[in-house]
């Protein structure tokens, strides 16, 4: 039997984005996005658009997990490495 794992995004959609936990997590992930983009844009000058795309893809995937704030940095690192190798 395959039981779907609940995601934070799905839970926030059910209980409403106004809950304190959802607001706090959404804010933390947004701040993390800014830090990751800044760090990678400094490491790879001139690749801003590619970095933003990779980070956006990583964030989208992270929200599908139960702990987006924990998985997001690793997902971003993998996506950026994939982009770097492909270009």
Foldseek 3Di string as FASTA:
>chain_A
DDDDDDFPVNVCVVVDCPDPVNVVLVVLLVVVLVVQLVVVCVVPPPCNVQLNVQLVVLQVVLRSHRHSNVRSVVSSVVSVVVVVVVD
